[in-house]
Amino acid sequence: MPASGLMILATLLFATMGVCVKLASELYDASEIVMYRGLVGMVLMAVITRQQGLSLKTAVPGMHLWRSISGVAALSLWFYAISQLPLATAMTLNYMSSVWMALFLLGGAVLLGAQRLDWRLVAAVLLGFVGVALILRPTLDQRQLWHGMAGLLSGMLSAMAYLQVTALGRAGEPELRVVFYFSLGGAVAGAGITALATGSLHGHTLRGAALLLAVGLLATTAQVLMTRAYAIGRPLVNACLQYLGIVFSFAYGMLLFKDPLTLHATVGMVLIIAAGLAATLLRSRVAPPPKDSQFNPADS
């Protein structure tokens, strides 16, 4: 299958995972879903690593720790946002990670004393935040606003985790090991948060267990497809195709959850997609994408 086909299938699987997360949130807390997602990912990565004759031993445990902290926090907030917001809205806010990356790039340029800034990148960042303002309209009540802010924060933390994944790749860590330790972090953090918040796990039903298994399998399969797409395809084309996940989520939300299609939210999502694409294009001209740029940390 060509890279474009792999990428489209991966985004469809990620959107389908979002549906499963939203359904599972009726039965489990977000921290529990993160925990079970991590457990499934751990098992799958351990099996694949063993089959390929690789070792899970790492010489940079501290880097994996910080990557896991930011990535698991992003994942937890994203799952929480999916449970409380329309599916497409939660997906869009998480995909703000490209815009956050542009903002980090601008901030680094300022700190390093750059003589001039790329105002096209500044415009992309501002455009993205205009989109956020349209989605998170001031007329929302405080509770809804918090849900939206959780989704927005998940995108920012995803961008931070992306930087850490980049550093791990440059340190020579293979992708399977990175995903394994991220899954381990998710399982441990999810269990810890659940213990502190409720002190117990929800009981399982056949439907609930199937949804949890589906979340883990869909996420891992999509990650493998995305990894392959970036290995054989053009990074910029793949980054653009990744935004199809919002379109798929829109369709799922309207068909399955009767999510409202408001003009403000639609325009906001279009602006965020445009800003993300512009930021990705401009960043690719600043520096070549790293070897492991295929990872969206919140989806790993």
C-alpha atoms as a PDB file:
ATOM      1  CA  MET A   1       0.000   0.000   0.000  1.00  0.00           C
ATOM      2  CA  PRO A   2       1.363   3.489  -0.834  1.00  0.00           C
ATOM      3  CA  ALA A   3       2.258   5.913   1.938  1.00  0.00           C
ATOM      4  CA  SER A   4      -0.819   8.053   1.321  1.00  0.00           C
ATOM      5  CA  GLY A   5      -3.091   5.033   1.690  1.00  0.00           C
ATOM      6  CA  LEU A   6      -1.351   3.980   4.903  1.00  0.00           C
ATOM      7  CA  MET A   7      -1.724   7.497   6.310  1.00  0.00           C
ATOM      8  CA  ILE A   8      -5.409   7.762   5.461  1.00  0.00           C
ATOM      9  CA  LEU A   9      -6.068   4.368   7.047  1.00  0.00           C
ATOM     10  CA  ALA A  10      -4.089   5.394  10.148  1.00  0.00           C
ATOM     11  CA  THR A  11      -6.123   8.579  10.605  1.00  0.00           C
ATOM     12  CA  LEU A  12      -9.344   6.606  10.193  1.00  0.00           C
ATOM     13  CA  LEU A  13      -8.201   4.155  12.877  1.00  0.00           C
ATOM     14  CA  PHE A  14      -7.268   7.007  15.243  1.00  0.00           C
ATOM     15  CA  ALA A  15     -10.695   8.586  14.731  1.00  0.00           C
ATOM     16  CA  THR A  16     -12.319   5.203  15.352  1.00  0.00           C
ATOM     17  CA  MET A  17     -10.250   4.920  18.532  1.00  0.00           C
ATOM     18  CA  GLY A  18     -11.736   8.270  19.577  1.00  0.00           C
ATOM     19  CA  VAL A  19     -15.213   6.790  19.156  1.00  0.00           C
ATOM     20  CA  CYS A  20     -14.248   3.841  21.372  1.00  0.00           C
ATOM     21  CA  VAL A  21     -12.793   6.199  23.985  1.00  0.00           C
ATOM     22  CA  LYS A  22     -15.989   8.251  24.030  1.00  0.00           C
ATOM     23  CA  LEU A  23     -18.127   5.110  24.423  1.00  0.00           C
ATOM     24  CA  ALA A  24     -15.783   3.640  27.042  1.00  0.00           C
ATOM     25  CA  SER A  25     -15.928   6.886  29.050  1.00  0.00           C
ATOM     26  CA  GLU A  26     -19.521   6.026  29.893  1.00  0.00           C
ATOM     27  CA  LEU A  27     -18.201   3.017  31.808  1.00  0.00           C
ATOM     28  CA  TYR A  28     -14.682   4.016  32.916  1.00  0.00           C
ATOM     29  CA  ASP A  29     -12.798   7.091  34.070  1.00  0.00           C
ATOM     30  CA  ALA A  30     -10.280   8.634  31.669  1.00  0.00           C
ATOM     31  CA  SER A  31      -7.398   7.448  33.878  1.00  0.00           C
ATOM     32  CA  GLU A  32      -8.622   3.854  33.635  1.00  0.00           C
ATOM     33  CA  ILE A  33      -8.813   4.065  29.844  1.00  0.00           C
ATOM     34  CA  VAL A  34      -5.256   5.428  29.777  1.00  0.00           C
ATOM     35  CA  MET A  35      -4.124   2.561  32.019  1.00  0.00           C
ATOM     36  CA  TYR A  36      -5.688  -0.167  29.879  1.00  0.00           C
ATOM     37  CA  ARG A  37      -4.479   1.553  26.701  1.00  0.00           C
ATOM     38  CA  GLY A  38      -0.963   1.411  28.146  1.00  0.00           C
ATOM     39  CA  LEU A  39      -1.261  -2.249  29.118  1.00  0.00           C
ATOM     40  CA  VAL A  40      -2.363  -3.290  25.628  1.00  0.00           C
ATOM     41  CA  GLY A  41       0.411  -1.211  24.060  1.00  0.00           C
ATOM     42  CA  MET A  42       3.026  -2.709  26.384  1.00  0.00           C
ATOM     43  CA  VAL A  43       2.069  -6.257  25.506  1.00  0.00           C
ATOM     44  CA  LEU A  44       1.998  -5.589  21.771  1.00  0.00           C
ATOM     45  CA  MET A  45       5.318  -3.734  21.766  1.00  0.00           C
ATOM     46  CA  ALA A  46       6.971  -6.415  23.908  1.00  0.00           C
ATOM     47  CA  VAL A  47       5.802  -9.149  21.529  1.00  0.00           C
ATOM     48  CA  ILE A  48       6.892  -7.280  18.384  1.00  0.00           C
ATOM     49  CA  THR A  49      10.233  -6.319  19.946  1.00  0.00           C
ATOM     50  CA  ARG A  50      10.911  -9.931  20.878  1.00  0.00           C
ATOM     51  CA  GLN A  51      10.003 -11.130  17.385  1.00  0.00           C
ATOM     52  CA  GLN A  52      12.451  -8.639  15.872  1.00  0.00           C
ATOM     53  CA  GLY A  53      15.219  -9.606  18.280  1.00  0.00           C
ATOM     54  CA  LEU A  54      15.489  -6.150  19.869  1.00  0.00           C
ATOM     55  CA  SER A  55      16.159  -5.345  23.513  1.00  0.00           C
ATOM     56  CA  LEU A  56      13.959  -3.178  25.722  1.00  0.00           C
ATOM     57  CA  LYS A  57      16.945  -2.171  27.861  1.00  0.00           C
ATOM     58  CA  THR A  58      17.682   1.524  27.554  1.00  0.00           C
ATOM     59  CA  ALA A  59      20.694   3.674  28.372  1.00  0.00           C
ATOM     60  CA  VAL A  60      18.576   6.851  28.696  1.00  0.00           C
ATOM     61  CA  PRO A  61      15.826   6.091  31.243  1.00  0.00           C
ATOM     62  CA  GLY A  62      15.560   9.745  32.271  1.00  0.00           C
ATOM     63  CA  MET A  63      14.654  10.815  28.741  1.00  0.00           C
ATOM     64  CA  HIS A  64      11.966   8.142  28.567  1.00  0.00           C
ATOM     65  CA  LEU A  65      10.625   9.322  31.925  1.00  0.00           C
ATOM     66  CA  TRP A  66      10.167  12.918  30.801  1.00  0.00           C
ATOM     67  CA  ARG A  67       8.720  11.801  27.472  1.00  0.00           C
ATOM     68  CA  SER A  68       6.237   9.604  29.321  1.00  0.00           C
ATOM     69  CA  ILE A  69       5.217  12.352  31.750  1.00  0.00           C
ATOM     70  CA  SER A  70       4.330  14.830  29.014  1.00  0.00           C
ATOM     71  CA  GLY A  71       2.902  12.205  26.663  1.00  0.00           C
ATOM     72  CA  VAL A  72       0.727  10.518  29.291  1.00  0.00           C
ATOM     73  CA  ALA A  73      -0.518  13.880  30.551  1.00  0.00           C
ATOM     74  CA  ALA A  74      -1.437  14.822  26.973  1.00  0.00           C
ATOM     75  CA  LEU A  75      -3.171  11.489  26.427  1.00  0.00           C
ATOM     76  CA  SER A  76      -5.114  11.725  29.699  1.00  0.00           C
ATOM     77  CA  LEU A  77      -6.339  15.248  28.958  1.00  0.00           C
ATOM     78  CA  TRP A  78      -7.233  14.251  25.420  1.00  0.00           C
ATOM     79  CA  PHE A  79      -9.280  11.266  26.557  1.00  0.00           C
ATOM     80  CA  TYR A  80     -10.995  13.484  29.142  1.00  0.00           C
ATOM     81  CA  ALA A  81     -11.803  16.058  26.454  1.00  0.00           C
ATOM     82  CA  ILE A  82     -13.185  13.339  24.154  1.00  0.00           C
ATOM     83  CA  SER A  83     -15.498  12.185  26.932  1.00  0.00           C
ATOM     84  CA  GLN A  84     -16.877  15.697  27.541  1.00  0.00           C
ATOM     85  CA  LEU A  85     -16.785  17.481  24.164  1.00  0.00           C
ATOM     86  CA  PRO A  86     -18.032  16.748  20.644  1.00  0.00           C
ATOM     87  CA  LEU A  87     -15.605  14.251  19.135  1.00  0.00           C
ATOM     88  CA  ALA A  88     -14.410  16.498  16.293  1.00  0.00           C
ATOM     89  CA  THR A  89     -13.828  19.418  18.686  1.00  0.00           C
ATOM     90  CA  ALA A  90     -11.662  17.309  20.996  1.00  0.00           C
ATOM     91  CA  MET A  91      -9.678  15.966  18.044  1.00  0.00           C
ATOM     92  CA  THR A  92      -9.132  19.449  16.613  1.00  0.00           C
ATOM     93  CA  LEU A  93      -7.896  20.909  19.909  1.00  0.00           C
ATOM     94  CA  ASN A  94      -5.419  18.064  20.265  1.00  0.00           C
ATOM     95  CA  TYR A  95      -4.213  18.608  16.687  1.00  0.00           C
ATOM     96  CA  MET A  96      -3.224  22.139  17.744  1.00  0.00           C
ATOM     97  CA  SER A  97       0.126  20.510  18.539  1.00  0.00           C
ATOM     98  CA  SER A  98       1.506  21.700  15.167  1.00  0.00           C
ATOM     99  CA  VAL A  99       0.611  25.283  16.068  1.00  0.00           C
ATOM    100  CA  TRP A 100       2.167  24.902  19.531  1.00  0.00           C
ATOM    101  CA  MET A 101       5.331  23.589  17.868  1.00  0.00           C
ATOM    102  CA  ALA A 102       5.448  26.743  15.766  1.00  0.00           C
ATOM    103  CA  LEU A 103       5.025  28.840  18.905  1.00  0.00           C
ATOM    104  CA  PHE A 104       7.881  26.962  20.624  1.00  0.00           C
ATOM    105  CA  LEU A 105      10.037  27.544  17.546  1.00  0.00           C
ATOM    106  CA  LEU A 106       9.304  31.266  17.696  1.00  0.00           C
ATOM    107  CA  GLY A 107      10.003  31.376  21.424  1.00  0.00           C
ATOM    108  CA  GLY A 108      13.344  29.646  20.908  1.00  0.00           C
ATOM    109  CA  ALA A 109      14.269  32.151  18.202  1.00  0.00           C
ATOM    110  CA  VAL A 110      13.520  35.050  20.568  1.00  0.00           C
ATOM    111  CA  LEU A 111      15.559  33.518  23.405  1.00  0.00           C
ATOM    112  CA  LEU A 112      18.501  32.943  21.066  1.00  0.00           C
ATOM    113  CA  GLY A 113      18.412  36.584  20.035  1.00  0.00           C
ATOM    114  CA  ALA A 114      17.216  36.156  16.471  1.00  0.00           C
ATOM    115  CA  GLN A 115      17.451  39.393  14.533  1.00  0.00           C
ATOM    116  CA  ARG A 116      14.179  38.750  12.766  1.00  0.00           C
ATOM    117  CA  LEU A 117      11.242  36.420  13.084  1.00  0.00           C
ATOM    118  CA  ASP A 118       9.354  34.615  10.361  1.00  0.00           C
ATOM    119  CA  TRP A 119       6.099  36.575  10.479  1.00  0.00           C
ATOM    120  CA  ARG A 120       4.391  33.931   8.386  1.00  0.00           C
ATOM    121  CA  LEU A 121       4.929  31.535  11.285  1.00  0.00           C
ATOM    122  CA  VAL A 122       3.623  34.181  13.692  1.00  0.00           C
ATOM    123  CA  ALA A 123       0.546  34.554  11.495  1.00  0.00           C
ATOM    124  CA  ALA A 124      -0.004  30.769  11.514  1.00  0.00           C
ATOM    125  CA  VAL A 125       0.120  30.712  15.315  1.00  0.00           C
ATOM    126  CA  LEU A 126      -2.313  33.629  15.587  1.00  0.00           C
ATOM    127  CA  LEU A 127      -4.639  32.017  13.047  1.00  0.00           C
ATOM    128  CA  GLY A 128      -4.675  28.836  15.118  1.00  0.00           C
ATOM    129  CA  PHE A 129      -5.607  30.693  18.267  1.00  0.00           C
ATOM    130  CA  VAL A 130      -8.370  32.578  16.467  1.00  0.00           C
ATOM    131  CA  GLY A 131      -9.755  29.160  15.606  1.00  0.00           C
ATOM    132  CA  VAL A 132      -9.538  28.133  19.250  1.00  0.00           C
ATOM    133  CA  ALA A 133     -11.366  31.302  20.297  1.00  0.00           C
ATOM    134  CA  LEU A 134     -14.182  30.478  17.873  1.00  0.00           C
ATOM    135  CA  ILE A 135     -14.489  26.947  19.267  1.00  0.00           C
ATOM    136  CA  LEU A 136     -14.165  27.968  22.923  1.00  0.00           C
ATOM    137  CA  ARG A 137     -16.522  30.934  22.661  1.00  0.00           C
ATOM    138  CA  PRO A 138     -16.768  33.154  25.756  1.00  0.00           C
ATOM    139  CA  THR A 139     -20.468  32.331  25.904  1.00  0.00           C
ATOM    140  CA  LEU A 140     -19.644  28.811  27.094  1.00  0.00           C
ATOM    141  CA  ASP A 141     -20.267  28.167  30.760  1.00  0.00           C
ATOM    142  CA  GLN A 142     -17.290  27.614  33.063  1.00  0.00           C
ATOM    143  CA  ARG A 143     -17.575  23.837  33.019  1.00  0.00           C
ATOM    144  CA  GLN A 144     -17.598  23.634  29.224  1.00  0.00           C
ATOM    145  CA  LEU A 145     -14.704  26.067  29.065  1.00  0.00           C
ATOM    146  CA  TRP A 146     -12.616  23.801  31.326  1.00  0.00           C
ATOM    147  CA  HIS A 147     -13.310  20.822  29.068  1.00  0.00           C
ATOM    148  CA  GLY A 148     -12.131  22.852  26.088  1.00  0.00           C
ATOM    149  CA  MET A 149      -9.036  24.052  27.921  1.00  0.00           C
ATOM    150  CA  ALA A 150      -8.195  20.431  28.752  1.00  0.00           C
ATOM    151  CA  GLY A 151      -8.274  19.604  25.040  1.00  0.00           C
ATOM    152  CA  LEU A 152      -6.162  22.645  24.231  1.00  0.00           C
ATOM    153  CA  LEU A 153      -3.606  21.741  26.901  1.00  0.00           C
ATOM    154  CA  SER A 154      -3.408  18.203  25.512  1.00  0.00           C
ATOM    155  CA  GLY A 155      -2.213  19.666  22.219  1.00  0.00           C
ATOM    156  CA  MET A 156       0.454  21.762  23.942  1.00  0.00           C
ATOM    157  CA  LEU A 157       1.747  18.799  25.927  1.00  0.00           C
ATOM    158  CA  SER A 158       1.735  16.703  22.740  1.00  0.00           C
ATOM    159  CA  ALA A 159       4.060  19.247  21.155  1.00  0.00           C
ATOM    160  CA  MET A 160       6.379  19.059  24.182  1.00  0.00           C
ATOM    161  CA  ALA A 161       6.371  15.266  24.017  1.00  0.00           C
ATOM    162  CA  TYR A 162       7.156  15.475  20.292  1.00  0.00           C
ATOM    163  CA  LEU A 163      10.326  17.398  21.107  1.00  0.00           C
ATOM    164  CA  GLN A 164      11.318  14.706  23.589  1.00  0.00           C
ATOM    165  CA  VAL A 165      10.633  11.931  21.068  1.00  0.00           C
ATOM    166  CA  THR A 166      12.863  13.811  18.632  1.00  0.00           C
ATOM    167  CA  ALA A 167      15.639  13.874  21.237  1.00  0.00           C
ATOM    168  CA  LEU A 168      15.202  10.141  21.875  1.00  0.00           C
ATOM    169  CA  GLY A 169      15.483   9.432  18.165  1.00  0.00           C
ATOM    170  CA  ARG A 170      18.702  11.402  17.955  1.00  0.00           C
ATOM    171  CA  ALA A 171      19.984   9.450  20.955  1.00  0.00           C
ATOM    172  CA  GLY A 172      19.574   6.262  18.910  1.00  0.00           C
ATOM    173  CA  GLU A 173      16.485   4.843  20.644  1.00  0.00           C
ATOM    174  CA  PRO A 174      14.398   2.625  18.317  1.00  0.00           C
ATOM    175  CA  GLU A 175      10.744   3.515  17.845  1.00  0.00           C
ATOM    176  CA  LEU A 176       9.433   0.277  19.377  1.00  0.00           C
ATOM    177  CA  ARG A 177      11.337   0.936  22.602  1.00  0.00           C
ATOM    178  CA  VAL A 178      10.053   4.502  22.762  1.00  0.00           C
ATOM    179  CA  VAL A 179       6.449   3.357  22.368  1.00  0.00           C
ATOM    180  CA  PHE A 180       6.949   0.556  24.895  1.00  0.00           C
ATOM    181  CA  TYR A 181       8.153   2.900  27.633  1.00  0.00           C
ATOM    182  CA  PHE A 182       5.425   5.388  26.790  1.00  0.00           C
ATOM    183  CA  SER A 183       2.865   2.595  27.172  1.00  0.00           C
ATOM    184  CA  LEU A 184       4.497   1.575  30.442  1.00  0.00           C
ATOM    185  CA  GLY A 185       4.245   5.158  31.670  1.00  0.00           C
ATOM    186  CA  GLY A 186       0.582   5.286  30.684  1.00  0.00           C
ATOM    187  CA  ALA A 187      -0.217   2.064  32.515  1.00  0.00           C
ATOM    188  CA  VAL A 188       1.564   3.192  35.699  1.00  0.00           C
ATOM    189  CA  ALA A 189       0.213   6.756  35.648  1.00  0.00           C
ATOM    190  CA  GLY A 190      -3.316   5.624  34.842  1.00  0.00           C
ATOM    191  CA  ALA A 191      -3.270   3.148  37.712  1.00  0.00           C
ATOM    192  CA  GLY A 192      -1.839   5.754  40.090  1.00  0.00           C
ATOM    193  CA  ILE A 193      -4.379   8.447  39.207  1.00  0.00           C
ATOM    194  CA  THR A 194      -7.219   5.958  39.482  1.00  0.00           C
ATOM    195  CA  ALA A 195      -6.004   4.850  42.909  1.00  0.00           C
ATOM    196  CA  LEU A 196      -5.799   8.437  44.156  1.00  0.00           C
ATOM    197  CA  ALA A 197      -9.082   9.571  42.607  1.00  0.00           C
ATOM    198  CA  THR A 198     -11.422   6.660  43.355  1.00  0.00           C
ATOM    199  CA  GLY A 199      -9.371   3.958  45.050  1.00  0.00           C
ATOM    200  CA  SER A 200     -10.909   1.238  42.909  1.00  0.00           C
ATOM    201  CA  LEU A 201     -11.457   0.123  39.341  1.00  0.00           C
ATOM    202  CA  HIS A 202     -14.808  -0.135  37.635  1.00  0.00           C
ATOM    203  CA  GLY A 203     -16.060  -3.634  37.033  1.00  0.00           C
ATOM    204  CA  HIS A 204     -15.958  -5.038  33.513  1.00  0.00           C
ATOM    205  CA  THR A 205     -18.748  -6.005  31.194  1.00  0.00           C
ATOM    206  CA  LEU A 206     -18.249  -7.724  27.849  1.00  0.00           C
ATOM    207  CA  ARG A 207     -18.957  -4.415  26.089  1.00  0.00           C
ATOM    208  CA  GLY A 208     -16.588  -2.470  28.310  1.00  0.00           C
ATOM    209  CA  ALA A 209     -13.733  -4.950  27.959  1.00  0.00           C
ATOM    210  CA  ALA A 210     -14.210  -5.012  24.181  1.00  0.00           C
ATOM    211  CA  LEU A 211     -14.049  -1.209  24.023  1.00  0.00           C
ATOM    212  CA  LEU A 212     -10.857  -1.075  26.105  1.00  0.00           C
ATOM    213  CA  LEU A 213      -9.212  -3.734  23.946  1.00  0.00           C
ATOM    214  CA  ALA A 214     -10.309  -1.881  20.819  1.00  0.00           C
ATOM    215  CA  VAL A 215      -8.768   1.374  22.066  1.00  0.00           C
ATOM    216  CA  GLY A 216      -5.396  -0.308  22.544  1.00  0.00           C
ATOM    217  CA  LEU A 217      -5.452  -2.302  19.314  1.00  0.00           C
ATOM    218  CA  LEU A 218      -6.660   0.585  17.153  1.00  0.00           C
ATOM    219  CA  ALA A 219      -4.113   3.014  18.576  1.00  0.00           C
ATOM    220  CA  THR A 220      -1.204   0.608  18.185  1.00  0.00           C
ATOM    221  CA  THR A 221      -2.181  -0.513  14.679  1.00  0.00           C
ATOM    222  CA  ALA A 222      -2.645   3.091  13.585  1.00  0.00           C
ATOM    223  CA  GLN A 223       0.761   3.990  15.009  1.00  0.00           C
ATOM    224  CA  VAL A 224       2.427   1.174  13.071  1.00  0.00           C
ATOM    225  CA  LEU A 225       0.715   2.289   9.839  1.00  0.00           C
ATOM    226  CA  MET A 226       1.694   5.903  10.448  1.00  0.00           C
ATOM    227  CA  THR A 227       5.284   4.900  11.165  1.00  0.00           C
ATOM    228  CA  ARG A 228       5.445   2.985   7.894  1.00  0.00           C
ATOM    229  CA  ALA A 229       3.861   5.874   5.987  1.00  0.00           C
ATOM    230  CA  TYR A 230       6.511   8.296   7.206  1.00  0.00           C
ATOM    231  CA  ALA A 231       9.255   5.777   6.453  1.00  0.00           C
ATOM    232  CA  ILE A 232       8.345   5.472   2.766  1.00  0.00           C
ATOM    233  CA  GLY A 233       6.409   8.673   2.019  1.00  0.00           C
ATOM    234  CA  ARG A 234       6.851  12.434   2.011  1.00  0.00           C
ATOM    235  CA  PRO A 235       6.663  13.867   5.557  1.00  0.00           C
ATOM    236  CA  LEU A 236       4.798  17.024   4.529  1.00  0.00           C
ATOM    237  CA  VAL A 237       2.171  15.107   2.547  1.00  0.00           C
ATOM    238  CA  ASN A 238       1.689  12.744   5.483  1.00  0.00           C
ATOM    239  CA  ALA A 239       1.361  15.667   7.917  1.00  0.00           C
ATOM    240  CA  CYS A 240      -1.354  17.172   5.714  1.00  0.00           C
ATOM    241  CA  LEU A 241      -3.227  13.879   5.390  1.00  0.00           C
ATOM    242  CA  GLN A 242      -3.147  13.489   9.177  1.00  0.00           C
ATOM    243  CA  TYR A 243      -5.748  16.268   9.439  1.00  0.00           C
ATOM    244  CA  LEU A 244      -8.252  13.950   7.768  1.00  0.00           C
ATOM    245  CA  GLY A 245      -8.680  12.573  11.286  1.00  0.00           C
ATOM    246  CA  ILE A 246     -10.735  15.671  12.105  1.00  0.00           C
ATOM    247  CA  VAL A 247     -12.976  15.057   9.088  1.00  0.00           C
ATOM    248  CA  PHE A 248     -13.510  11.428  10.073  1.00  0.00           C
ATOM    249  CA  SER A 249     -14.251  12.518  13.647  1.00  0.00           C
ATOM    250  CA  PHE A 250     -16.763  15.048  12.370  1.00  0.00           C
ATOM    251  CA  ALA A 251     -18.588  12.300  10.489  1.00  0.00           C
ATOM    252  CA  TYR A 252     -18.515   9.928  13.476  1.00  0.00           C
ATOM    253  CA  GLY A 253     -19.734  12.661  15.818  1.00  0.00           C
ATOM    254  CA  MET A 254     -22.721  13.580  13.685  1.00  0.00           C
ATOM    255  CA  LEU A 255     -23.686  10.000  12.823  1.00  0.00           C
ATOM    256  CA  LEU A 256     -23.161   8.308  16.197  1.00  0.00           C
ATOM    257  CA  PHE A 257     -23.404  11.026  18.850  1.00  0.00           C
ATOM    258  CA  LYS A 258     -25.639  13.620  17.146  1.00  0.00           C
ATOM    259  CA  ASP A 259     -22.973  16.277  17.752  1.00  0.00           C
ATOM    260  CA  PRO A 260     -24.202  19.725  16.683  1.00  0.00           C
ATOM    261  CA  LEU A 261     -22.627  21.302  13.609  1.00  0.00           C
ATOM    262  CA  THR A 262     -22.388  24.981  14.571  1.00  0.00           C
ATOM    263  CA  LEU A 263     -21.009  27.689  12.300  1.00  0.00           C
ATOM    264  CA  HIS A 264     -18.550  29.010  14.923  1.00  0.00           C
ATOM    265  CA  ALA A 265     -17.099  25.565  15.635  1.00  0.00           C
ATOM    266  CA  THR A 266     -16.851  24.681  11.942  1.00  0.00           C
ATOM    267  CA  VAL A 267     -15.034  27.910  11.053  1.00  0.00           C
ATOM    268  CA  GLY A 268     -12.767  27.456  14.103  1.00  0.00           C
ATOM    269  CA  MET A 269     -11.798  23.944  13.054  1.00  0.00           C
ATOM    270  CA  VAL A 270     -11.083  25.067   9.484  1.00  0.00           C
ATOM    271  CA  LEU A 271      -8.814  27.840  10.811  1.00  0.00           C
ATOM    272  CA  ILE A 272      -6.935  25.428  13.082  1.00  0.00           C
ATOM    273  CA  ILE A 273      -6.430  22.966  10.220  1.00  0.00           C
ATOM    274  CA  ALA A 274      -5.180  25.797   7.972  1.00  0.00           C
ATOM    275  CA  ALA A 275      -2.867  27.060  10.722  1.00  0.00           C
ATOM    276  CA  GLY A 276      -1.514  23.570  11.386  1.00  0.00           C
ATOM    277  CA  LEU A 277      -0.822  22.963   7.714  1.00  0.00           C
ATOM    278  CA  ALA A 278       0.869  26.359   7.344  1.00  0.00           C
ATOM    279  CA  ALA A 279       2.971  25.820  10.472  1.00  0.00           C
ATOM    280  CA  THR A 280       4.016  22.362   9.270  1.00  0.00           C
ATOM    281  CA  LEU A 281       5.020  23.714   5.855  1.00  0.00           C
ATOM    282  CA  LEU A 282       6.998  26.615   7.310  1.00  0.00           C
ATOM    283  CA  ARG A 283       8.747  24.448   9.923  1.00  0.00           C
ATOM    284  CA  SER A 284       9.769  21.977   7.217  1.00  0.00           C
ATOM    285  CA  ARG A 285      11.558  24.831   5.448  1.00  0.00           C
ATOM    286  CA  VAL A 286      13.382  25.844   8.615  1.00  0.00           C
ATOM    287  CA  ALA A 287      14.812  22.395   9.323  1.00  0.00           C
ATOM    288  CA  PRO A 288      14.449  18.898   7.858  1.00  0.00           C
ATOM    289  CA  PRO A 289      12.062  16.629   9.775  1.00  0.00           C
ATOM    290  CA  PRO A 290      13.755  14.234  12.207  1.00  0.00           C
ATOM    291  CA  LYS A 291      13.846  10.543  11.607  1.00  0.00           C
ATOM    292  CA  ASP A 292      11.069   9.846  14.118  1.00  0.00           C
ATOM    293  CA  SER A 293       8.736  12.705  13.218  1.00  0.00           C
ATOM    294  CA  GLN A 294       6.054  10.141  12.512  1.00  0.00           C
ATOM    295  CA  PHE A 295       5.005  10.093  16.133  1.00  0.00           C
ATOM    296  CA  ASN A 296       2.116  12.158  17.383  1.00  0.00           C
ATOM    297  CA  PRO A 297       2.793  11.662  21.090  1.00  0.00           C
ATOM    298  CA  ALA A 298      -0.800  11.877  22.134  1.00  0.00           C
ATOM    299  CA  ASP A 299      -1.679   9.017  19.790  1.00  0.00           C
ATOM    300  CA  SER A 300       1.299   6.793  20.592  1.00  0.00           C
END
